[in-house]
């Protein structure tokens, strides 16, 4: 009997893995169906990305090697890397890149600082503060075109806000090529002001979300230790907001380097190319597809380099602890 029982136990032990085989096949079949379902769900978005993003992006590298024919109907001429060197070595490109950098310097820090200041004010526990939060964030619903038309009218020297205030500039702001502080053209400063106002709602929303994530017990502990309001803000709130500020800097920098609508509606790159940012320069060269492709690749590389630099060096100062 003992030998028979032992033999049956051995048979059961041998047969047990075989009983798991159908279960494993069912599990693999379920995983396969889930994978196919996931692929079917993302396939439309993947097709759209390939058609409107990946293909045009790769096509730029081909177009950059061909010089556009001077007259319609003639074939483009293959010039290889010569066109890239000619475009990137031109003074017009470097002026456009410098204007774009100045525009980013004007818009990103000031926009984040104003958004943070408004968020701190709106974070106060006061009656009716929800109304002010709505007002502060309302610009996020304003399109670039609407903001440009509004401020273009306000800056108008005849029917705008300036004559009503008694201000009569000798040269309208949007037509003034002179510089502020010897660096920033007046027209560029005016367009930057429009951009800051239009993006202020987004900056305010980001900073408000970051402030709500700051633990109240840290602020209360700092207050108990005798820290004043400015000390709490500098030593507690700002370090805790560093991930949000870091994100806002990266997104703001990308947006600044892709600015087009305000320039097109307000200045058309003038006066004297003082507001001719890279994106407008690219669109302005749309008749010369080869040159425009080189400029588009340059804009992509500059934006990518700037973003990677910020991720590599500025992230070290970000505090992710809560």
C-alpha atoms as a PDB file:
ATOM      1  CA  UNK A   1       0.000   0.000   0.000  1.00  0.00           C
ATOM      2  CA  UNK A   2       2.781   2.347   0.835  1.00  0.00           C
ATOM      3  CA  UNK A   3       4.443   1.803  -2.497  1.00  0.00           C
ATOM      4  CA  UNK A   4       1.132   2.287  -4.302  1.00  0.00           C
ATOM      5  CA  UNK A   5       0.457   5.586  -2.457  1.00  0.00           C
ATOM      6  CA  UNK A   6       3.953   6.798  -3.186  1.00  0.00           C
ATOM      7  CA  UNK A   7       3.520   5.949  -6.834  1.00  0.00           C
ATOM      8  CA  UNK A   8       0.197   7.820  -6.976  1.00  0.00           C
ATOM      9  CA  UNK A   9       1.813  10.839  -5.299  1.00  0.00           C
ATOM     10  CA  UNK A  10       4.556  10.822  -7.903  1.00  0.00           C
ATOM     11  CA  UNK A  11       1.953  10.643 -10.672  1.00  0.00           C
ATOM     12  CA  UNK A  12       0.026  13.577  -9.196  1.00  0.00           C
ATOM     13  CA  UNK A  13       3.228  15.604  -8.876  1.00  0.00           C
ATOM     14  CA  UNK A  14       4.034  14.887 -12.493  1.00  0.00           C
ATOM     15  CA  UNK A  15       0.546  15.736 -13.735  1.00  0.00           C
ATOM     16  CA  UNK A  16       0.198  19.005 -11.752  1.00  0.00           C
ATOM     17  CA  UNK A  17       2.346  21.155 -14.086  1.00  0.00           C
ATOM     18  CA  UNK A  18       0.274  19.867 -16.995  1.00  0.00           C
ATOM     19  CA  UNK A  19      -2.867  21.235 -15.322  1.00  0.00           C
ATOM     20  CA  UNK A  20      -1.247  24.730 -15.267  1.00  0.00           C
ATOM     21  CA  UNK A  21      -0.691  24.713 -19.020  1.00  0.00           C
ATOM     22  CA  UNK A  22      -4.309  25.633 -19.982  1.00  0.00           C
ATOM     23  CA  UNK A  23      -4.332  28.346 -17.359  1.00  0.00           C
ATOM     24  CA  UNK A  24      -1.083  29.764 -18.749  1.00  0.00           C
ATOM     25  CA  UNK A  25      -2.449  29.622 -22.297  1.00  0.00           C
ATOM     26  CA  UNK A  26      -5.527  31.540 -21.199  1.00  0.00           C
ATOM     27  CA  UNK A  27      -3.329  34.124 -19.458  1.00  0.00           C
ATOM     28  CA  UNK A  28      -1.167  34.542 -22.557  1.00  0.00           C
ATOM     29  CA  UNK A  29      -4.257  34.852 -24.725  1.00  0.00           C
ATOM     30  CA  UNK A  30      -5.684  37.538 -22.455  1.00  0.00           C
ATOM     31  CA  UNK A  31      -2.402  39.456 -22.499  1.00  0.00           C
ATOM     32  CA  UNK A  32      -2.304  39.207 -26.292  1.00  0.00           C
ATOM     33  CA  UNK A  33      -5.851  40.539 -26.602  1.00  0.00           C
ATOM     34  CA  UNK A  34      -5.049  43.416 -24.234  1.00  0.00           C
ATOM     35  CA  UNK A  35      -1.954  44.255 -26.258  1.00  0.00           C
ATOM     36  CA  UNK A  36      -3.935  44.246 -29.498  1.00  0.00           C
ATOM     37  CA  UNK A  37      -6.634  46.414 -27.925  1.00  0.00           C
ATOM     38  CA  UNK A  38      -4.031  48.901 -26.685  1.00  0.00           C
ATOM     39  CA  UNK A  39      -2.421  48.997 -30.131  1.00  0.00           C
ATOM     40  CA  UNK A  40      -5.826  49.566 -31.750  1.00  0.00           C
ATOM     41  CA  UNK A  41      -6.482  52.472 -29.363  1.00  0.00           C
ATOM     42  CA  UNK A  42      -3.171  54.246 -29.998  1.00  0.00           C
ATOM     43  CA  UNK A  43      -3.022  53.454 -33.735  1.00  0.00           C
ATOM     44  CA  UNK A  44      -5.133  56.486 -34.845  1.00  0.00           C
ATOM     45  CA  UNK A  45      -2.996  58.875 -32.785  1.00  0.00           C
ATOM     46  CA  UNK A  46       0.169  57.198 -34.081  1.00  0.00           C
ATOM     47  CA  UNK A  47      -1.007  57.614 -37.683  1.00  0.00           C
ATOM     48  CA  UNK A  48      -1.764  61.311 -37.073  1.00  0.00           C
ATOM     49  CA  UNK A  49       1.635  61.855 -35.447  1.00  0.00           C
ATOM     50  CA  UNK A  50       3.418  60.129 -38.310  1.00  0.00           C
ATOM     51  CA  UNK A  51       1.511  62.083 -40.962  1.00  0.00           C
ATOM     52  CA  UNK A  52       1.688  65.554 -39.425  1.00  0.00           C
ATOM     53  CA  UNK A  53       4.763  65.497 -37.152  1.00  0.00           C
ATOM     54  CA  UNK A  54       7.291  62.736 -37.861  1.00  0.00           C
ATOM     55  CA  UNK A  55       7.096  62.808 -41.665  1.00  0.00           C
ATOM     56  CA  UNK A  56       7.356  66.646 -41.968  1.00  0.00           C
ATOM     57  CA  UNK A  57      10.191  66.621 -39.429  1.00  0.00           C
ATOM     58  CA  UNK A  58      12.185  64.059 -41.409  1.00  0.00           C
ATOM     59  CA  UNK A  59      11.257  65.735 -44.696  1.00  0.00           C
ATOM     60  CA  UNK A  60      12.974  68.914 -43.470  1.00  0.00           C
ATOM     61  CA  UNK A  61      16.346  67.164 -43.508  1.00  0.00           C
ATOM     62  CA  UNK A  62      15.839  66.274 -47.173  1.00  0.00           C
ATOM     63  CA  UNK A  63      14.614  69.742 -48.154  1.00  0.00           C
ATOM     64  CA  UNK A  64      17.607  71.341 -46.425  1.00  0.00           C
ATOM     65  CA  UNK A  65      19.905  69.724 -49.005  1.00  0.00           C
ATOM     66  CA  UNK A  66      18.119  71.299 -51.995  1.00  0.00           C
ATOM     67  CA  UNK A  67      18.260  74.919 -53.072  1.00  0.00           C
ATOM     68  CA  UNK A  68      14.849  76.191 -54.144  1.00  0.00           C
ATOM     69  CA  UNK A  69      14.630  77.174 -57.796  1.00  0.00           C
ATOM     70  CA  UNK A  70      14.353  80.933 -58.379  1.00  0.00           C
ATOM     71  CA  UNK A  71      11.316  80.520 -60.628  1.00  0.00           C
ATOM     72  CA  UNK A  72       8.248  78.281 -60.226  1.00  0.00           C
ATOM     73  CA  UNK A  73       8.232  75.132 -62.326  1.00  0.00           C
ATOM     74  CA  UNK A  74      12.004  74.662 -62.293  1.00  0.00           C
ATOM     75  CA  UNK A  75      13.504  71.709 -60.362  1.00  0.00           C
ATOM     76  CA  UNK A  76      15.275  72.304 -57.074  1.00  0.00           C
ATOM     77  CA  UNK A  77      19.060  71.953 -57.154  1.00  0.00           C
ATOM     78  CA  UNK A  78      20.884  69.552 -54.847  1.00  0.00           C
ATOM     79  CA  UNK A  79      23.614  71.471 -53.011  1.00  0.00           C
ATOM     80  CA  UNK A  80      24.238  69.182 -50.044  1.00  0.00           C
ATOM     81  CA  UNK A  81      25.504  70.795 -46.859  1.00  0.00           C
ATOM     82  CA  UNK A  82      26.475  74.017 -48.608  1.00  0.00           C
ATOM     83  CA  UNK A  83      23.053  75.571 -48.071  1.00  0.00           C
ATOM     84  CA  UNK A  84      23.122  74.730 -44.354  1.00  0.00           C
ATOM     85  CA  UNK A  85      26.435  76.524 -43.967  1.00  0.00           C
ATOM     86  CA  UNK A  86      25.232  79.532 -45.946  1.00  0.00           C
ATOM     87  CA  UNK A  87      22.034  79.949 -43.940  1.00  0.00           C
ATOM     88  CA  UNK A  88      23.551  79.347 -40.496  1.00  0.00           C
ATOM     89  CA  UNK A  89      26.472  81.630 -41.291  1.00  0.00           C
ATOM     90  CA  UNK A  90      24.320  84.558 -42.394  1.00  0.00           C
ATOM     91  CA  UNK A  91      23.961  87.668 -40.261  1.00  0.00           C
ATOM     92  CA  UNK A  92      20.176  87.538 -40.681  1.00  0.00           C
ATOM     93  CA  UNK A  93      20.013  84.160 -38.935  1.00  0.00           C
ATOM     94  CA  UNK A  94      22.154  85.269 -36.010  1.00  0.00           C
ATOM     95  CA  UNK A  95      20.151  88.469 -35.636  1.00  0.00           C
ATOM     96  CA  UNK A  96      16.936  86.435 -35.572  1.00  0.00           C
ATOM     97  CA  UNK A  97      18.389  84.036 -33.003  1.00  0.00           C
ATOM     98  CA  UNK A  98      19.537  86.957 -30.830  1.00  0.00           C
ATOM     99  CA  UNK A  99      16.073  88.553 -31.006  1.00  0.00           C
ATOM    100  CA  UNK A 100      14.513  85.222 -29.968  1.00  0.00           C
ATOM    101  CA  UNK A 101      16.868  84.938 -26.991  1.00  0.00           C
ATOM    102  CA  UNK A 102      16.050  88.509 -25.918  1.00  0.00           C
ATOM    103  CA  UNK A 103      12.348  87.739 -26.218  1.00  0.00           C
ATOM    104  CA  UNK A 104      12.739  84.662 -23.986  1.00  0.00           C
ATOM    105  CA  UNK A 105      14.731  86.674 -21.425  1.00  0.00           C
ATOM    106  CA  UNK A 106      11.957  89.255 -21.302  1.00  0.00           C
ATOM    107  CA  UNK A 107       8.981  86.923 -21.113  1.00  0.00           C
ATOM    108  CA  UNK A 108       9.978  83.841 -19.098  1.00  0.00           C
ATOM    109  CA  UNK A 109      11.412  85.284 -15.825  1.00  0.00           C
ATOM    110  CA  UNK A 110       8.944  88.175 -15.626  1.00  0.00           C
ATOM    111  CA  UNK A 111       5.971  85.956 -16.425  1.00  0.00           C
ATOM    112  CA  UNK A 112       6.911  83.398 -13.786  1.00  0.00           C
ATOM    113  CA  UNK A 113       7.617  86.076 -11.175  1.00  0.00           C
ATOM    114  CA  UNK A 114       4.271  87.797 -11.778  1.00  0.00           C
ATOM    115  CA  UNK A 115       2.410  84.482 -11.750  1.00  0.00           C
ATOM    116  CA  UNK A 116       4.081  83.520  -8.479  1.00  0.00           C
ATOM    117  CA  UNK A 117       3.286  86.890  -6.915  1.00  0.00           C
ATOM    118  CA  UNK A 118      -0.380  86.670  -7.877  1.00  0.00           C
ATOM    119  CA  UNK A 119      -0.540  83.076  -6.652  1.00  0.00           C
ATOM    120  CA  UNK A 120       0.852  84.091  -3.254  1.00  0.00           C
ATOM    121  CA  UNK A 121      -1.724  86.886  -2.996  1.00  0.00           C
ATOM    122  CA  UNK A 122      -4.572  84.575  -4.043  1.00  0.00           C
ATOM    123  CA  UNK A 123      -3.419  81.931  -1.555  1.00  0.00           C
ATOM    124  CA  UNK A 124      -4.450  84.130   1.358  1.00  0.00           C
ATOM    125  CA  UNK A 125      -7.452  82.920   3.313  1.00  0.00           C
ATOM    126  CA  UNK A 126      -9.637  85.962   2.714  1.00  0.00           C
ATOM    127  CA  UNK A 127     -13.304  86.299   1.890  1.00  0.00           C
ATOM    128  CA  UNK A 128     -14.058  86.632  -1.818  1.00  0.00           C
ATOM    129  CA  UNK A 129     -10.605  85.419  -2.889  1.00  0.00           C
ATOM    130  CA  UNK A 130     -12.188  82.958  -5.338  1.00  0.00           C
ATOM    131  CA  UNK A 131     -13.259  85.944  -7.456  1.00  0.00           C
ATOM    132  CA  UNK A 132      -9.677  87.169  -7.687  1.00  0.00           C
ATOM    133  CA  UNK A 133      -8.447  83.679  -8.573  1.00  0.00           C
ATOM    134  CA  UNK A 134     -10.903  83.629 -11.453  1.00  0.00           C
ATOM    135  CA  UNK A 135      -9.756  87.058 -12.631  1.00  0.00           C
ATOM    136  CA  UNK A 136      -6.064  86.197 -12.378  1.00  0.00           C
ATOM    137  CA  UNK A 137      -6.465  82.954 -14.333  1.00  0.00           C
ATOM    138  CA  UNK A 138      -8.836  84.354 -16.961  1.00  0.00           C
ATOM    139  CA  UNK A 139      -6.076  85.247 -19.445  1.00  0.00           C
ATOM    140  CA  UNK A 140      -5.431  81.546 -20.046  1.00  0.00           C
ATOM    141  CA  UNK A 141      -8.697  81.472 -22.013  1.00  0.00           C
ATOM    142  CA  UNK A 142      -7.571  84.356 -24.250  1.00  0.00           C
ATOM    143  CA  UNK A 143      -6.110  83.366 -27.598  1.00  0.00           C
ATOM    144  CA  UNK A 144      -2.965  84.918 -29.007  1.00  0.00           C
ATOM    145  CA  UNK A 145      -4.964  86.600 -31.770  1.00  0.00           C
ATOM    146  CA  UNK A 146      -7.409  88.227 -29.355  1.00  0.00           C
ATOM    147  CA  UNK A 147      -4.637  89.432 -27.039  1.00  0.00           C
ATOM    148  CA  UNK A 148      -2.674  90.846 -29.971  1.00  0.00           C
ATOM    149  CA  UNK A 149      -5.682  92.722 -31.358  1.00  0.00           C
ATOM    150  CA  UNK A 150      -6.533  94.152 -27.914  1.00  0.00           C
ATOM    151  CA  UNK A 151      -3.024  95.402 -27.217  1.00  0.00           C
ATOM    152  CA  UNK A 152      -2.511  96.526 -30.793  1.00  0.00           C
ATOM    153  CA  UNK A 153      -5.500  98.809 -30.316  1.00  0.00           C
ATOM    154  CA  UNK A 154      -4.302  99.979 -26.902  1.00  0.00           C
ATOM    155  CA  UNK A 155      -0.859 100.842 -28.307  1.00  0.00           C
ATOM    156  CA  UNK A 156      -2.362 102.795 -31.203  1.00  0.00           C
ATOM    157  CA  UNK A 157      -1.128 106.386 -31.079  1.00  0.00           C
ATOM    158  CA  UNK A 158      -4.428 107.846 -32.337  1.00  0.00           C
ATOM    159  CA  UNK A 159      -7.296 105.801 -30.868  1.00  0.00           C
ATOM    160  CA  UNK A 160      -5.570 103.719 -28.199  1.00  0.00           C
ATOM    161  CA  UNK A 161      -5.177 104.005 -24.453  1.00  0.00           C
ATOM    162  CA  UNK A 162      -2.027 106.094 -24.589  1.00  0.00           C
ATOM    163  CA  UNK A 163      -3.661 109.309 -25.905  1.00  0.00           C
ATOM    164  CA  UNK A 164      -6.430 108.905 -23.312  1.00  0.00           C
ATOM    165  CA  UNK A 165      -3.756 108.759 -20.600  1.00  0.00           C
ATOM    166  CA  UNK A 166      -2.027 111.805 -22.031  1.00  0.00           C
ATOM    167  CA  UNK A 167       0.961 109.833 -23.300  1.00  0.00           C
ATOM    168  CA  UNK A 168       2.060 110.842 -26.792  1.00  0.00           C
ATOM    169  CA  UNK A 169       5.211 108.941 -27.767  1.00  0.00           C
ATOM    170  CA  UNK A 170       7.118 110.446 -30.655  1.00  0.00           C
ATOM    171  CA  UNK A 171       7.376 106.972 -32.178  1.00  0.00           C
ATOM    172  CA  UNK A 172       4.620 104.395 -31.530  1.00  0.00           C
ATOM    173  CA  UNK A 173       5.843 101.567 -29.322  1.00  0.00           C
ATOM    174  CA  UNK A 174       5.322  98.869 -31.950  1.00  0.00           C
ATOM    175  CA  UNK A 175       7.244 100.921 -34.539  1.00  0.00           C
ATOM    176  CA  UNK A 176      10.084 102.036 -32.281  1.00  0.00           C
ATOM    177  CA  UNK A 177      13.484 100.460 -33.122  1.00  0.00           C
ATOM    178  CA  UNK A 178      15.276 102.192 -30.247  1.00  0.00           C
ATOM    179  CA  UNK A 179      16.499 100.119 -27.332  1.00  0.00           C
ATOM    180  CA  UNK A 180      15.755 100.021 -23.620  1.00  0.00           C
ATOM    181  CA  UNK A 181      18.855  99.666 -21.421  1.00  0.00           C
ATOM    182  CA  UNK A 182      20.844  99.533 -24.631  1.00  0.00           C
ATOM    183  CA  UNK A 183      19.763  95.937 -25.328  1.00  0.00           C
ATOM    184  CA  UNK A 184      16.009  95.419 -25.662  1.00  0.00           C
ATOM    185  CA  UNK A 185      14.233  97.095 -28.615  1.00  0.00           C
ATOM    186  CA  UNK A 186      11.127  99.028 -27.590  1.00  0.00           C
ATOM    187  CA  UNK A 187       8.969  97.155 -30.111  1.00  0.00           C
ATOM    188  CA  UNK A 188      10.190  93.822 -28.735  1.00  0.00           C
ATOM    189  CA  UNK A 189       9.441  94.949 -25.180  1.00  0.00           C
ATOM    190  CA  UNK A 190       5.900  95.873 -26.247  1.00  0.00           C
ATOM    191  CA  UNK A 191       5.320  92.458 -27.842  1.00  0.00           C
ATOM    192  CA  UNK A 192       6.844  90.783 -24.800  1.00  0.00           C
ATOM    193  CA  UNK A 193       4.354  92.637 -22.604  1.00  0.00           C
ATOM    194  CA  UNK A 194       1.488  91.228 -24.650  1.00  0.00           C
ATOM    195  CA  UNK A 195       2.932  87.717 -24.308  1.00  0.00           C
ATOM    196  CA  UNK A 196       3.435  88.054 -20.571  1.00  0.00           C
ATOM    197  CA  UNK A 197      -0.156  89.167 -20.097  1.00  0.00           C
ATOM    198  CA  UNK A 198      -1.497  86.385 -22.315  1.00  0.00           C
ATOM    199  CA  UNK A 199       0.509  83.657 -20.499  1.00  0.00           C
ATOM    200  CA  UNK A 200      -0.031  85.081 -17.016  1.00  0.00           C
ATOM    201  CA  UNK A 201      -3.094  82.915 -16.399  1.00  0.00           C
ATOM    202  CA  UNK A 202      -1.168  79.699 -17.067  1.00  0.00           C
ATOM    203  CA  UNK A 203       1.711  80.803 -14.848  1.00  0.00           C
ATOM    204  CA  UNK A 204      -0.750  81.713 -12.086  1.00  0.00           C
ATOM    205  CA  UNK A 205      -2.493  78.318 -12.287  1.00  0.00           C
ATOM    206  CA  UNK A 206       0.821  76.435 -12.139  1.00  0.00           C
ATOM    207  CA  UNK A 207       2.080  78.407  -9.160  1.00  0.00           C
ATOM    208  CA  UNK A 208      -1.256  78.128  -7.348  1.00  0.00           C
ATOM    209  CA  UNK A 209      -1.161  74.351  -7.736  1.00  0.00           C
ATOM    210  CA  UNK A 210       2.386  74.315  -6.388  1.00  0.00           C
ATOM    211  CA  UNK A 211       1.448  76.453  -3.384  1.00  0.00           C
ATOM    212  CA  UNK A 212      -1.431  74.144  -2.495  1.00  0.00           C
ATOM    213  CA  UNK A 213       1.049  71.266  -2.334  1.00  0.00           C
ATOM    214  CA  UNK A 214       3.261  73.027   0.252  1.00  0.00           C
ATOM    215  CA  UNK A 215       2.589  71.392   3.650  1.00  0.00           C
ATOM    216  CA  UNK A 216       1.000  73.816   6.102  1.00  0.00           C
ATOM    217  CA  UNK A 217       2.779  72.204   9.052  1.00  0.00           C
ATOM    218  CA  UNK A 218       6.159  73.352   7.685  1.00  0.00           C
ATOM    219  CA  UNK A 219       4.978  76.944   7.483  1.00  0.00           C
ATOM    220  CA  UNK A 220       3.445  76.730  10.962  1.00  0.00           C
ATOM    221  CA  UNK A 221       6.655  75.258  12.361  1.00  0.00           C
ATOM    222  CA  UNK A 222       8.700  78.050  10.773  1.00  0.00           C
ATOM    223  CA  UNK A 223       6.301  80.634  12.211  1.00  0.00           C
ATOM    224  CA  UNK A 224       6.600  79.083  15.668  1.00  0.00           C
ATOM    225  CA  UNK A 225      10.391  79.285  15.351  1.00  0.00           C
ATOM    226  CA  UNK A 226      10.057  83.037  14.821  1.00  0.00           C
ATOM    227  CA  UNK A 227      10.449  83.229  11.035  1.00  0.00           C
ATOM    228  CA  UNK A 228       8.753  86.207   9.425  1.00  0.00           C
ATOM    229  CA  UNK A 229       6.613  86.102   6.293  1.00  0.00           C
ATOM    230  CA  UNK A 230       9.512  86.861   3.945  1.00  0.00           C
ATOM    231  CA  UNK A 231      11.761  84.338   5.671  1.00  0.00           C
ATOM    232  CA  UNK A 232       9.081  81.640   5.400  1.00  0.00           C
ATOM    233  CA  UNK A 233       8.577  82.424   1.749  1.00  0.00           C
ATOM    234  CA  UNK A 234      12.289  82.380   0.921  1.00  0.00           C
ATOM    235  CA  UNK A 235      13.368  79.410   3.044  1.00  0.00           C
ATOM    236  CA  UNK A 236      10.281  77.200   2.962  1.00  0.00           C
ATOM    237  CA  UNK A 237       7.899  78.090   0.147  1.00  0.00           C
ATOM    238  CA  UNK A 238      10.392  78.709  -2.651  1.00  0.00           C
ATOM    239  CA  UNK A 239      12.368  75.457  -2.116  1.00  0.00           C
ATOM    240  CA  UNK A 240       9.116  73.501  -2.068  1.00  0.00           C
ATOM    241  CA  UNK A 241       8.001  75.280  -5.252  1.00  0.00           C
ATOM    242  CA  UNK A 242      11.238  74.517  -7.107  1.00  0.00           C
ATOM    243  CA  UNK A 243       9.770  71.595  -9.141  1.00  0.00           C
ATOM    244  CA  UNK A 244       6.884  73.792 -10.291  1.00  0.00           C
ATOM    245  CA  UNK A 245       9.182  76.704 -11.125  1.00  0.00           C
ATOM    246  CA  UNK A 246      11.529  74.337 -12.952  1.00  0.00           C
ATOM    247  CA  UNK A 247       8.643  73.025 -15.051  1.00  0.00           C
ATOM    248  CA  UNK A 248       7.396  76.556 -15.767  1.00  0.00           C
ATOM    249  CA  UNK A 249      10.870  77.673 -16.900  1.00  0.00           C
ATOM    250  CA  UNK A 250      11.188  74.796 -19.369  1.00  0.00           C
ATOM    251  CA  UNK A 251       7.679  75.195 -20.779  1.00  0.00           C
ATOM    252  CA  UNK A 252       8.004  78.993 -20.899  1.00  0.00           C
ATOM    253  CA  UNK A 253      11.321  78.742 -22.733  1.00  0.00           C
ATOM    254  CA  UNK A 254       9.850  76.395 -25.346  1.00  0.00           C
ATOM    255  CA  UNK A 255       6.837  78.664 -25.825  1.00  0.00           C
ATOM    256  CA  UNK A 256       9.073  81.726 -26.156  1.00  0.00           C
ATOM    257  CA  UNK A 257      11.165  80.111 -28.886  1.00  0.00           C
ATOM    258  CA  UNK A 258       7.980  79.127 -30.760  1.00  0.00           C
ATOM    259  CA  UNK A 259       6.309  82.542 -30.626  1.00  0.00           C
ATOM    260  CA  UNK A 260       4.741  83.577 -33.897  1.00  0.00           C
ATOM    261  CA  UNK A 261       1.177  84.931 -33.613  1.00  0.00           C
ATOM    262  CA  UNK A 262       1.999  88.113 -31.694  1.00  0.00           C
ATOM    263  CA  UNK A 263       4.832  89.004 -34.054  1.00  0.00           C
ATOM    264  CA  UNK A 264       2.749  88.371 -37.152  1.00  0.00           C
ATOM    265  CA  UNK A 265      -0.204  90.437 -35.955  1.00  0.00           C
ATOM    266  CA  UNK A 266       1.631  93.322 -34.288  1.00  0.00           C
ATOM    267  CA  UNK A 267       4.978  93.994 -35.979  1.00  0.00           C
ATOM    268  CA  UNK A 268       5.544  91.556 -38.882  1.00  0.00           C
ATOM    269  CA  UNK A 269       9.157  91.252 -37.760  1.00  0.00           C
ATOM    270  CA  UNK A 270       9.821  95.015 -37.847  1.00  0.00           C
ATOM    271  CA  UNK A 271      10.908  97.632 -37.314  1.00  0.00           C
ATOM    272  CA  UNK A 272      14.311  96.958 -38.890  1.00  0.00           C
ATOM    273  CA  UNK A 273      13.953  93.253 -37.993  1.00  0.00           C
ATOM    274  CA  UNK A 274      14.047  94.118 -34.285  1.00  0.00           C
ATOM    275  CA  UNK A 275      11.233  91.618 -33.633  1.00  0.00           C
ATOM    276  CA  UNK A 276      12.098  89.069 -36.324  1.00  0.00           C
ATOM    277  CA  UNK A 277      12.132  85.951 -34.131  1.00  0.00           C
ATOM    278  CA  UNK A 278      13.111  82.581 -35.590  1.00  0.00           C
ATOM    279  CA  UNK A 279       9.583  81.279 -36.090  1.00  0.00           C
ATOM    280  CA  UNK A 280       8.542  84.378 -38.023  1.00  0.00           C
ATOM    281  CA  UNK A 281      11.787  84.213 -40.000  1.00  0.00           C
ATOM    282  CA  UNK A 282      10.927  80.632 -40.993  1.00  0.00           C
ATOM    283  CA  UNK A 283       7.408  81.523 -42.115  1.00  0.00           C
ATOM    284  CA  UNK A 284       8.686  84.607 -43.931  1.00  0.00           C
ATOM    285  CA  UNK A 285      10.938  82.309 -45.991  1.00  0.00           C
ATOM    286  CA  UNK A 286       8.106  79.922 -46.914  1.00  0.00           C
ATOM    287  CA  UNK A 287       8.709  80.661 -50.596  1.00  0.00           C
ATOM    288  CA  UNK A 288      12.235  79.296 -50.199  1.00  0.00           C
ATOM    289  CA  UNK A 289      11.571  75.811 -48.848  1.00  0.00           C
ATOM    290  CA  UNK A 290      15.217  74.830 -48.635  1.00  0.00           C
ATOM    291  CA  UNK A 291      16.195  77.809 -46.493  1.00  0.00           C
ATOM    292  CA  UNK A 292      13.065  77.486 -44.378  1.00  0.00           C
ATOM    293  CA  UNK A 293      13.890  73.808 -43.741  1.00  0.00           C
ATOM    294  CA  UNK A 294      17.387  74.732 -42.541  1.00  0.00           C
ATOM    295  CA  UNK A 295      15.934  77.360 -40.216  1.00  0.00           C
ATOM    296  CA  UNK A 296      13.358  74.896 -38.873  1.00  0.00           C
ATOM    297  CA  UNK A 297      16.080  72.352 -38.095  1.00  0.00           C
ATOM    298  CA  UNK A 298      18.141  75.074 -36.421  1.00  0.00           C
ATOM    299  CA  UNK A 299      15.160  76.100 -34.283  1.00  0.00           C
ATOM    300  CA  UNK A 300      14.611  72.474 -33.266  1.00  0.00           C
ATOM    301  CA  UNK A 301      18.260  72.008 -32.314  1.00  0.00           C
ATOM    302  CA  UNK A 302      18.377  75.279 -30.347  1.00  0.00           C
ATOM    303  CA  UNK A 303      15.188  74.397 -28.442  1.00  0.00           C
ATOM    304  CA  UNK A 304      16.408  70.857 -27.771  1.00  0.00           C
ATOM    305  CA  UNK A 305      19.802  72.101 -26.568  1.00  0.00           C
ATOM    306  CA  UNK A 306      18.219  74.690 -24.292  1.00  0.00           C
ATOM    307  CA  UNK A 307      15.829  72.121 -22.813  1.00  0.00           C
ATOM    308  CA  UNK A 308      18.571  69.532 -22.259  1.00  0.00           C
ATOM    309  CA  UNK A 309      20.782  72.189 -20.649  1.00  0.00           C
ATOM    310  CA  UNK A 310      18.031  73.111 -18.230  1.00  0.00           C
ATOM    311  CA  UNK A 311      17.286  69.463 -17.443  1.00  0.00           C
ATOM    312  CA  UNK A 312      20.984  68.716 -16.915  1.00  0.00           C
ATOM    313  CA  UNK A 313      22.100  71.677 -14.834  1.00  0.00           C
ATOM    314  CA  UNK A 314      19.085  73.426 -13.349  1.00  0.00           C
ATOM    315  CA  UNK A 315      17.420  70.242 -12.099  1.00  0.00           C
ATOM    316  CA  UNK A 316      20.234  69.828  -9.566  1.00  0.00           C
ATOM    317  CA  UNK A 317      18.787  72.799  -7.663  1.00  0.00           C
ATOM    318  CA  UNK A 318      15.280  71.364  -7.605  1.00  0.00           C
ATOM    319  CA  UNK A 319      14.001  69.933  -4.330  1.00  0.00           C
ATOM    320  CA  UNK A 320      11.504  67.106  -4.881  1.00  0.00           C
ATOM    321  CA  UNK A 321      11.100  66.249  -1.198  1.00  0.00           C
ATOM    322  CA  UNK A 322       7.731  66.886   0.413  1.00  0.00           C
END
